C-alpha atoms as a PDB file:
ATOM      1  CA  UNK A   1      15.815  54.171 115.714  1.00  0.00           C
ATOM      2  CA  UNK A   2      14.785  56.188 112.770  1.00  0.00           C
ATOM      3  CA  UNK A   3      14.497  54.468 109.208  1.00  0.00           C
ATOM      4  CA  UNK A   4      17.583  55.754 107.907  1.00  0.00           C
ATOM      5  CA  UNK A   5      19.542  54.589 110.765  1.00  0.00           C
ATOM      6  CA  UNK A   6      18.217  51.120 110.712  1.00  0.00           C
ATOM      7  CA  UNK A   7      19.003  51.211 106.502  1.00  0.00           C
ATOM      8  CA  UNK A   8      22.744  52.147 107.283  1.00  0.00           C
ATOM      9  CA  UNK A   9      22.819  49.506 110.299  1.00  0.00           C
ATOM     10  CA  UNK A  10      21.598  47.083 107.737  1.00  0.00           C
ATOM     11  CA  UNK A  11      24.064  48.113 105.271  1.00  0.00           C
ATOM     12  CA  UNK A  12      27.034  47.786 107.456  1.00  0.00           C
ATOM     13  CA  UNK A  13      26.107  44.436 108.621  1.00  0.00           C
ATOM     14  CA  UNK A  14      25.529  43.058 105.096  1.00  0.00           C
ATOM     15  CA  UNK A  15      28.863  44.519 103.866  1.00  0.00           C
ATOM     16  CA  UNK A  16      30.409  43.135 106.903  1.00  0.00           C
ATOM     17  CA  UNK A  17      29.166  39.665 106.057  1.00  0.00           C
ATOM     18  CA  UNK A  18      29.714  40.034 102.463  1.00  0.00           C
ATOM     19  CA  UNK A  19      33.504  41.026 103.430  1.00  0.00           C
ATOM     20  CA  UNK A  20      33.902  38.013 105.506  1.00  0.00           C
ATOM     21  CA  UNK A  21      32.212  35.619 103.214  1.00  0.00           C
ATOM     22  CA  UNK A  22      34.910  36.398 100.200  1.00  0.00           C
ATOM     23  CA  UNK A  23      37.511  35.360 102.577  1.00  0.00           C
ATOM     24  CA  UNK A  24      35.800  32.104 103.475  1.00  0.00           C
ATOM     25  CA  UNK A  25      35.458  31.473  99.939  1.00  0.00           C
ATOM     26  CA  UNK A  26      39.101  32.039  99.367  1.00  0.00           C
ATOM     27  CA  UNK A  27      40.187  29.839 102.064  1.00  0.00           C
ATOM     28  CA  UNK A  28      37.667  27.060 100.659  1.00  0.00           C
ATOM     29  CA  UNK A  29      39.164  27.477  96.948  1.00  0.00           C
ATOM     30  CA  UNK A  30      42.743  26.827  98.284  1.00  0.00           C
ATOM     31  CA  UNK A  31      41.486  23.616  99.882  1.00  0.00           C
ATOM     32  CA  UNK A  32      39.265  22.303  96.900  1.00  0.00           C
ATOM     33  CA  UNK A  33      42.240  23.564  94.200  1.00  0.00           C
ATOM     34  CA  UNK A  34      44.959  21.705  96.412  1.00  0.00           C
ATOM     35  CA  UNK A  35      42.969  18.504  96.886  1.00  0.00           C
ATOM     36  CA  UNK A  36      41.862  18.222  92.927  1.00  0.00           C
ATOM     37  CA  UNK A  37      45.324  19.194  91.849  1.00  0.00           C
ATOM     38  CA  UNK A  38      47.411  16.561  94.227  1.00  0.00           C
ATOM     39  CA  UNK A  39      44.805  13.893  93.603  1.00  0.00           C
ATOM     40  CA  UNK A  40      44.944  14.546  89.760  1.00  0.00           C
ATOM     41  CA  UNK A  41      48.971  14.387  90.096  1.00  0.00           C
ATOM     42  CA  UNK A  42      48.927  11.212  91.990  1.00  0.00           C
ATOM     43  CA  UNK A  43      46.508   9.724  89.551  1.00  0.00           C
ATOM     44  CA  UNK A  44      48.924   9.997  86.748  1.00  0.00           C
ATOM     45  CA  UNK A  45      51.187   7.299  88.017  1.00  0.00           C
ATOM     46  CA  UNK A  46      48.512   4.759  87.948  1.00  0.00           C
ATOM     47  CA  UNK A  47      47.063   3.074  84.959  1.00  0.00           C
ATOM     48  CA  UNK A  48      44.081   4.319  83.255  1.00  0.00           C
ATOM     49  CA  UNK A  49      41.899   1.344  83.771  1.00  0.00           C
ATOM     50  CA  UNK A  50      41.177  -1.348  86.498  1.00  0.00           C
ATOM     51  CA  UNK A  51      39.251  -1.246  89.758  1.00  0.00           C
ATOM     52  CA  UNK A  52      42.463  -1.360  92.007  1.00  0.00           C
ATOM     53  CA  UNK A  53      43.518   2.128  90.055  1.00  0.00           C
ATOM     54  CA  UNK A  54      40.145   3.619  91.018  1.00  0.00           C
ATOM     55  CA  UNK A  55      40.320   2.274  94.767  1.00  0.00           C
ATOM     56  CA  UNK A  56      43.977   3.894  94.870  1.00  0.00           C
ATOM     57  CA  UNK A  57      42.886   6.992  93.368  1.00  0.00           C
ATOM     58  CA  UNK A  58      40.090   7.340  95.924  1.00  0.00           C
ATOM     59  CA  UNK A  59      42.310   6.936  98.700  1.00  0.00           C
ATOM     60  CA  UNK A  60      44.715   9.457  97.655  1.00  0.00           C
ATOM     61  CA  UNK A  61      41.782  11.618  97.457  1.00  0.00           C
ATOM     62  CA  UNK A  62      40.960  10.961 101.224  1.00  0.00           C
ATOM     63  CA  UNK A  63      44.381  11.217 102.451  1.00  0.00           C
ATOM     64  CA  UNK A  64      44.768  14.763 101.008  1.00  0.00           C
ATOM     65  CA  UNK A  65      41.230  15.993 102.019  1.00  0.00           C
ATOM     66  CA  UNK A  66      41.773  14.705 105.578  1.00  0.00           C
ATOM     67  CA  UNK A  67      45.110  16.268 105.990  1.00  0.00           C
ATOM     68  CA  UNK A  68      44.473  19.648 103.929  1.00  0.00           C
ATOM     69  CA  UNK A  69      41.127  19.707 105.681  1.00  0.00           C
ATOM     70  CA  UNK A  70      42.738  19.832 108.934  1.00  0.00           C
ATOM     71  CA  UNK A  71      45.797  22.408 107.800  1.00  0.00           C
ATOM     72  CA  UNK A  72      43.605  24.792 105.800  1.00  0.00           C
ATOM     73  CA  UNK A  73      41.129  25.985 108.696  1.00  0.00           C
ATOM     74  CA  UNK A  74      44.334  26.445 110.982  1.00  0.00           C
ATOM     75  CA  UNK A  75      46.294  28.405 108.272  1.00  0.00           C
ATOM     76  CA  UNK A  76      43.420  30.307 106.769  1.00  0.00           C
ATOM     77  CA  UNK A  77      41.566  31.542 109.864  1.00  0.00           C
ATOM     78  CA  UNK A  78      45.212  33.060 110.940  1.00  0.00           C
ATOM     79  CA  UNK A  79      45.837  34.356 107.751  1.00  0.00           C
ATOM     80  CA  UNK A  80      42.723  35.814 106.358  1.00  0.00           C
ATOM     81  CA  UNK A  81      41.238  36.287 109.803  1.00  0.00           C
ATOM     82  CA  UNK A  82      44.165  38.295 111.667  1.00  0.00           C
ATOM     83  CA  UNK A  83      44.596  40.681 108.647  1.00  0.00           C
ATOM     84  CA  UNK A  84      41.003  41.501 108.104  1.00  0.00           C
ATOM     85  CA  UNK A  85      40.188  42.380 111.560  1.00  0.00           C
ATOM     86  CA  UNK A  86      41.914  45.929 111.193  1.00  0.00           C
ATOM     87  CA  UNK A  87      40.919  46.311 107.588  1.00  0.00           C
ATOM     88  CA  UNK A  88      37.080  45.760 108.345  1.00  0.00           C
ATOM     89  CA  UNK A  89      37.192  47.840 111.708  1.00  0.00           C
ATOM     90  CA  UNK A  90      39.189  50.782 109.738  1.00  0.00           C
ATOM     91  CA  UNK A  91      36.104  50.804 107.345  1.00  0.00           C
ATOM     92  CA  UNK A  92      33.742  51.219 110.082  1.00  0.00           C
ATOM     93  CA  UNK A  93      32.695  47.573 110.980  1.00  0.00           C
ATOM     94  CA  UNK A  94      31.735  47.477 114.848  1.00  0.00           C
ATOM     95  CA  UNK A  95      33.362  45.156 117.158  1.00  0.00           C
ATOM     96  CA  UNK A  96      30.183  42.775 117.245  1.00  0.00           C
ATOM     97  CA  UNK A  97      29.635  42.703 113.547  1.00  0.00           C
ATOM     98  CA  UNK A  98      33.380  41.714 113.229  1.00  0.00           C
ATOM     99  CA  UNK A  99      33.113  38.832 115.716  1.00  0.00           C
ATOM    100  CA  UNK A 100      30.068  37.536 113.800  1.00  0.00           C
ATOM    101  CA  UNK A 101      31.995  38.286 110.463  1.00  0.00           C
ATOM    102  CA  UNK A 102      34.632  36.075 111.768  1.00  0.00           C
ATOM    103  CA  UNK A 103      32.743  33.466 112.962  1.00  0.00           C
ATOM    104  CA  UNK A 104      30.829  33.371 109.637  1.00  0.00           C
ATOM    105  CA  UNK A 105      34.387  32.983 107.743  1.00  0.00           C
ATOM    106  CA  UNK A 106      35.136  29.983 110.030  1.00  0.00           C
ATOM    107  CA  UNK A 107      32.157  28.144 109.820  1.00  0.00           C
ATOM    108  CA  UNK A 108      31.450  28.630 106.302  1.00  0.00           C
ATOM    109  CA  UNK A 109      34.346  27.482 104.893  1.00  0.00           C
ATOM    110  CA  UNK A 110      34.648  24.737 107.395  1.00  0.00           C
ATOM    111  CA  UNK A 111      31.003  23.638 106.454  1.00  0.00           C
ATOM    112  CA  UNK A 112      32.167  23.763 102.504  1.00  0.00           C
ATOM    113  CA  UNK A 113      35.210  21.635 103.221  1.00  0.00           C
ATOM    114  CA  UNK A 114      33.189  18.954 104.880  1.00  0.00           C
ATOM    115  CA  UNK A 115      30.693  18.943 102.203  1.00  0.00           C
ATOM    116  CA  UNK A 116      33.159  19.089  99.475  1.00  0.00           C
ATOM    117  CA  UNK A 117      34.786  15.648 101.125  1.00  0.00           C
ATOM    118  CA  UNK A 118      31.349  14.321 101.486  1.00  0.00           C
ATOM    119  CA  UNK A 119      30.614  14.709  98.008  1.00  0.00           C
ATOM    120  CA  UNK A 120      33.907  13.509  97.000  1.00  0.00           C
ATOM    121  CA  UNK A 121      33.640  10.318  98.943  1.00  0.00           C
ATOM    122  CA  UNK A 122      30.036   9.687  97.402  1.00  0.00           C
ATOM    123  CA  UNK A 123      31.611  10.296  94.150  1.00  0.00           C
ATOM    124  CA  UNK A 124      34.202   7.642  94.615  1.00  0.00           C
ATOM    125  CA  UNK A 125      31.946   5.140  95.861  1.00  0.00           C
ATOM    126  CA  UNK A 126      33.380   4.864  99.213  1.00  0.00           C
ATOM    127  CA  UNK A 127      32.100   4.124 102.666  1.00  0.00           C
ATOM    128  CA  UNK A 128      31.192   6.994 104.966  1.00  0.00           C
ATOM    129  CA  UNK A 129      32.114   5.516 107.965  1.00  0.00           C
ATOM    130  CA  UNK A 130      35.245   7.653 108.283  1.00  0.00           C
ATOM    131  CA  UNK A 131      33.392  10.792 107.554  1.00  0.00           C
ATOM    132  CA  UNK A 132      31.941  10.519 111.123  1.00  0.00           C
ATOM    133  CA  UNK A 133      35.460  11.023 112.609  1.00  0.00           C
ATOM    134  CA  UNK A 134      36.418  13.557 110.093  1.00  0.00           C
ATOM    135  CA  UNK A 135      33.693  16.022 111.615  1.00  0.00           C
ATOM    136  CA  UNK A 136      35.090  16.590 115.060  1.00  0.00           C
ATOM    137  CA  UNK A 137      38.844  16.758 113.753  1.00  0.00           C
ATOM    138  CA  UNK A 138      37.602  19.412 111.293  1.00  0.00           C
ATOM    139  CA  UNK A 139      35.823  21.367 114.185  1.00  0.00           C
ATOM    140  CA  UNK A 140      39.209  20.722 116.427  1.00  0.00           C
ATOM    141  CA  UNK A 141      41.249  22.461 113.752  1.00  0.00           C
ATOM    142  CA  UNK A 142      38.616  25.281 113.653  1.00  0.00           C
ATOM    143  CA  UNK A 143      38.955  25.930 117.142  1.00  0.00           C
ATOM    144  CA  UNK A 144      42.706  25.799 117.401  1.00  0.00           C
ATOM    145  CA  UNK A 145      42.888  28.262 114.384  1.00  0.00           C
ATOM    146  CA  UNK A 146      40.807  30.698 116.284  1.00  0.00           C
ATOM    147  CA  UNK A 147      43.142  30.463 119.417  1.00  0.00           C
ATOM    148  CA  UNK A 148      45.959  30.883 117.224  1.00  0.00           C
ATOM    149  CA  UNK A 149      44.561  33.824 115.478  1.00  0.00           C
ATOM    150  CA  UNK A 150      43.600  35.330 118.798  1.00  0.00           C
ATOM    151  CA  UNK A 151      47.348  34.815 119.989  1.00  0.00           C
ATOM    152  CA  UNK A 152      48.544  36.729 116.963  1.00  0.00           C
ATOM    153  CA  UNK A 153      46.484  39.869 118.014  1.00  0.00           C
ATOM    154  CA  UNK A 154      46.950  39.897 121.297  1.00  0.00           C
ATOM    155  CA  UNK A 155      50.621  39.065 121.674  1.00  0.00           C
ATOM    156  CA  UNK A 156      51.963  40.826 118.573  1.00  0.00           C
ATOM    157  CA  UNK A 157      55.323  39.279 117.449  1.00  0.00           C
ATOM    158  CA  UNK A 158      55.258  36.936 120.494  1.00  0.00           C
ATOM    159  CA  UNK A 159      52.212  35.589 119.305  1.00  0.00           C
ATOM    160  CA  UNK A 160      53.429  35.347 115.693  1.00  0.00           C
ATOM    161  CA  UNK A 161      56.583  33.062 117.151  1.00  0.00           C
ATOM    162  CA  UNK A 162      54.390  31.133 119.103  1.00  0.00           C
ATOM    163  CA  UNK A 163      51.967  30.261 116.023  1.00  0.00           C
ATOM    164  CA  UNK A 164      54.817  29.459 113.936  1.00  0.00           C
ATOM    165  CA  UNK A 165      56.364  27.209 116.697  1.00  0.00           C
ATOM    166  CA  UNK A 166      52.624  25.470 116.853  1.00  0.00           C
ATOM    167  CA  UNK A 167      52.692  24.864 113.484  1.00  0.00           C
ATOM    168  CA  UNK A 168      56.014  23.626 113.339  1.00  0.00           C
ATOM    169  CA  UNK A 169      55.870  21.163 116.664  1.00  0.00           C
ATOM    170  CA  UNK A 170      51.996  20.354 116.919  1.00  0.00           C
ATOM    171  CA  UNK A 171      50.909  20.473 113.364  1.00  0.00           C
ATOM    172  CA  UNK A 172      53.939  19.019 111.256  1.00  0.00           C
ATOM    173  CA  UNK A 173      55.411  16.885 114.153  1.00  0.00           C
ATOM    174  CA  UNK A 174      51.846  15.679 115.453  1.00  0.00           C
ATOM    175  CA  UNK A 175      50.849  15.297 111.710  1.00  0.00           C
ATOM    176  CA  UNK A 176      53.927  13.378 111.172  1.00  0.00           C
ATOM    177  CA  UNK A 177      53.633  11.156 114.077  1.00  0.00           C
ATOM    178  CA  UNK A 178      49.859  10.516 113.466  1.00  0.00           C
ATOM    179  CA  UNK A 179      50.781   9.064 110.020  1.00  0.00           C
ATOM    180  CA  UNK A 180      53.567   7.068 111.010  1.00  0.00           C
ATOM    181  CA  UNK A 181      52.020   5.429 114.001  1.00  0.00           C
ATOM    182  CA  UNK A 182      49.331   4.080 111.446  1.00  0.00           C
ATOM    183  CA  UNK A 183      46.454   6.671 112.937  1.00  0.00           C
ATOM    184  CA  UNK A 184      45.629   8.144 109.403  1.00  0.00           C
ATOM    185  CA  UNK A 185      45.090   4.471 108.021  1.00  0.00           C
ATOM    186  CA  UNK A 186      42.892   3.788 111.529  1.00  0.00           C
ATOM    187  CA  UNK A 187      40.904   6.640 110.526  1.00  0.00           C
ATOM    188  CA  UNK A 188      40.426   6.258 106.934  1.00  0.00           C
ATOM    189  CA  UNK A 189      39.380   2.346 107.447  1.00  0.00           C
ATOM    190  CA  UNK A 190      36.773   3.729 110.227  1.00  0.00           C
ATOM    191  CA  UNK A 191      38.392   1.764 112.740  1.00  0.00           C
ATOM    192  CA  UNK A 192      37.731   4.188 115.752  1.00  0.00           C
ATOM    193  CA  UNK A 193      35.468   2.969 118.025  1.00  0.00           C
ATOM    194  CA  UNK A 194      34.053   4.892 120.830  1.00  0.00           C
ATOM    195  CA  UNK A 195      36.369   7.857 120.197  1.00  0.00           C
ATOM    196  CA  UNK A 196      33.537   9.735 118.397  1.00  0.00           C
ATOM    197  CA  UNK A 197      31.733  11.125 121.248  1.00  0.00           C
ATOM    198  CA  UNK A 198      34.805  12.395 123.336  1.00  0.00           C
ATOM    199  CA  UNK A 199      36.128  13.961 120.492  1.00  0.00           C
ATOM    200  CA  UNK A 200      33.097  15.846 119.592  1.00  0.00           C
ATOM    201  CA  UNK A 201      32.605  16.900 122.856  1.00  0.00           C
ATOM    202  CA  UNK A 202      36.293  18.269 122.975  1.00  0.00           C
ATOM    203  CA  UNK A 203      35.768  19.992 119.674  1.00  0.00           C
ATOM    204  CA  UNK A 204      32.560  21.603 120.625  1.00  0.00           C
ATOM    205  CA  UNK A 205      34.218  22.998 123.924  1.00  0.00           C
ATOM    206  CA  UNK A 206      37.275  24.065 121.918  1.00  0.00           C
ATOM    207  CA  UNK A 207      35.383  26.022 119.327  1.00  0.00           C
ATOM    208  CA  UNK A 208      33.145  27.675 122.197  1.00  0.00           C
ATOM    209  CA  UNK A 209      36.489  29.012 123.839  1.00  0.00           C
ATOM    210  CA  UNK A 210      37.775  30.197 120.477  1.00  0.00           C
ATOM    211  CA  UNK A 211      34.763  32.151 119.837  1.00  0.00           C
ATOM    212  CA  UNK A 212      34.929  33.535 123.291  1.00  0.00           C
ATOM    213  CA  UNK A 213      38.654  34.595 122.873  1.00  0.00           C
ATOM    214  CA  UNK A 214      37.945  36.341 119.799  1.00  0.00           C
ATOM    215  CA  UNK A 215      35.476  38.320 121.861  1.00  0.00           C
ATOM    216  CA  UNK A 216      37.793  38.913 124.341  1.00  0.00           C
ATOM    217  CA  UNK A 217      40.309  40.210 121.844  1.00  0.00           C
ATOM    218  CA  UNK A 218      37.993  42.487 119.922  1.00  0.00           C
ATOM    219  CA  UNK A 219      36.784  44.312 122.991  1.00  0.00           C
ATOM    220  CA  UNK A 220      39.855  45.955 123.162  1.00  0.00           C
ATOM    221  CA  UNK A 221      41.476  45.734 120.176  1.00  0.00           C
ATOM    222  CA  UNK A 222      42.055  49.208 118.520  1.00  0.00           C
ATOM    223  CA  UNK A 223      42.875  49.921 114.812  1.00  0.00           C
ATOM    224  CA  UNK A 224      46.471  51.588 114.581  1.00  0.00           C
ATOM    225  CA  UNK A 225      47.169  54.265 111.596  1.00  0.00           C
END
């Protein structure tokens, strides 16, 4: 490969990564803005002074950070990933570049979400015990989001219908059941026992499977004009 071809290849790769990086920042911006907005909105109902008020605001922050941190990777990967594939490849991105670009978007947004929650948790002076369980849950959300995105591309309108049912039944229904059963309180109080390692293993396997599905889908993906 001559120097000109290497330069063009490097430019193509960098443009592709920049393209997906911008989409990761949009996912994170939506997450951070929503957490801050809802926490601020709820804080207006408490008095401006007192330790109890500060603790309640910190707890509200954790609740919104946990719930939105789980939902945003699912919705964001599906929304920004599925719509971005055709655009990226229509502008000349190769399949391998698109695959790694999607993974950059996925993990860059997830890492920023986790760091945002960690910093916010530190500033509120709260314990980091529950953050240990938040990591595998966030990873499982990323893996599930990759599966939903692949289903949309692979199965067309059937995949879209399936993803809507997934959001309604699994995400919303499971979330309501999780909250009503006291699971959110158990998580935030760090009372998770020996669940960390099994959840972490399941999360890693789910993420690996999600990346493999993207590879298989992109191998046969064709841009329709």
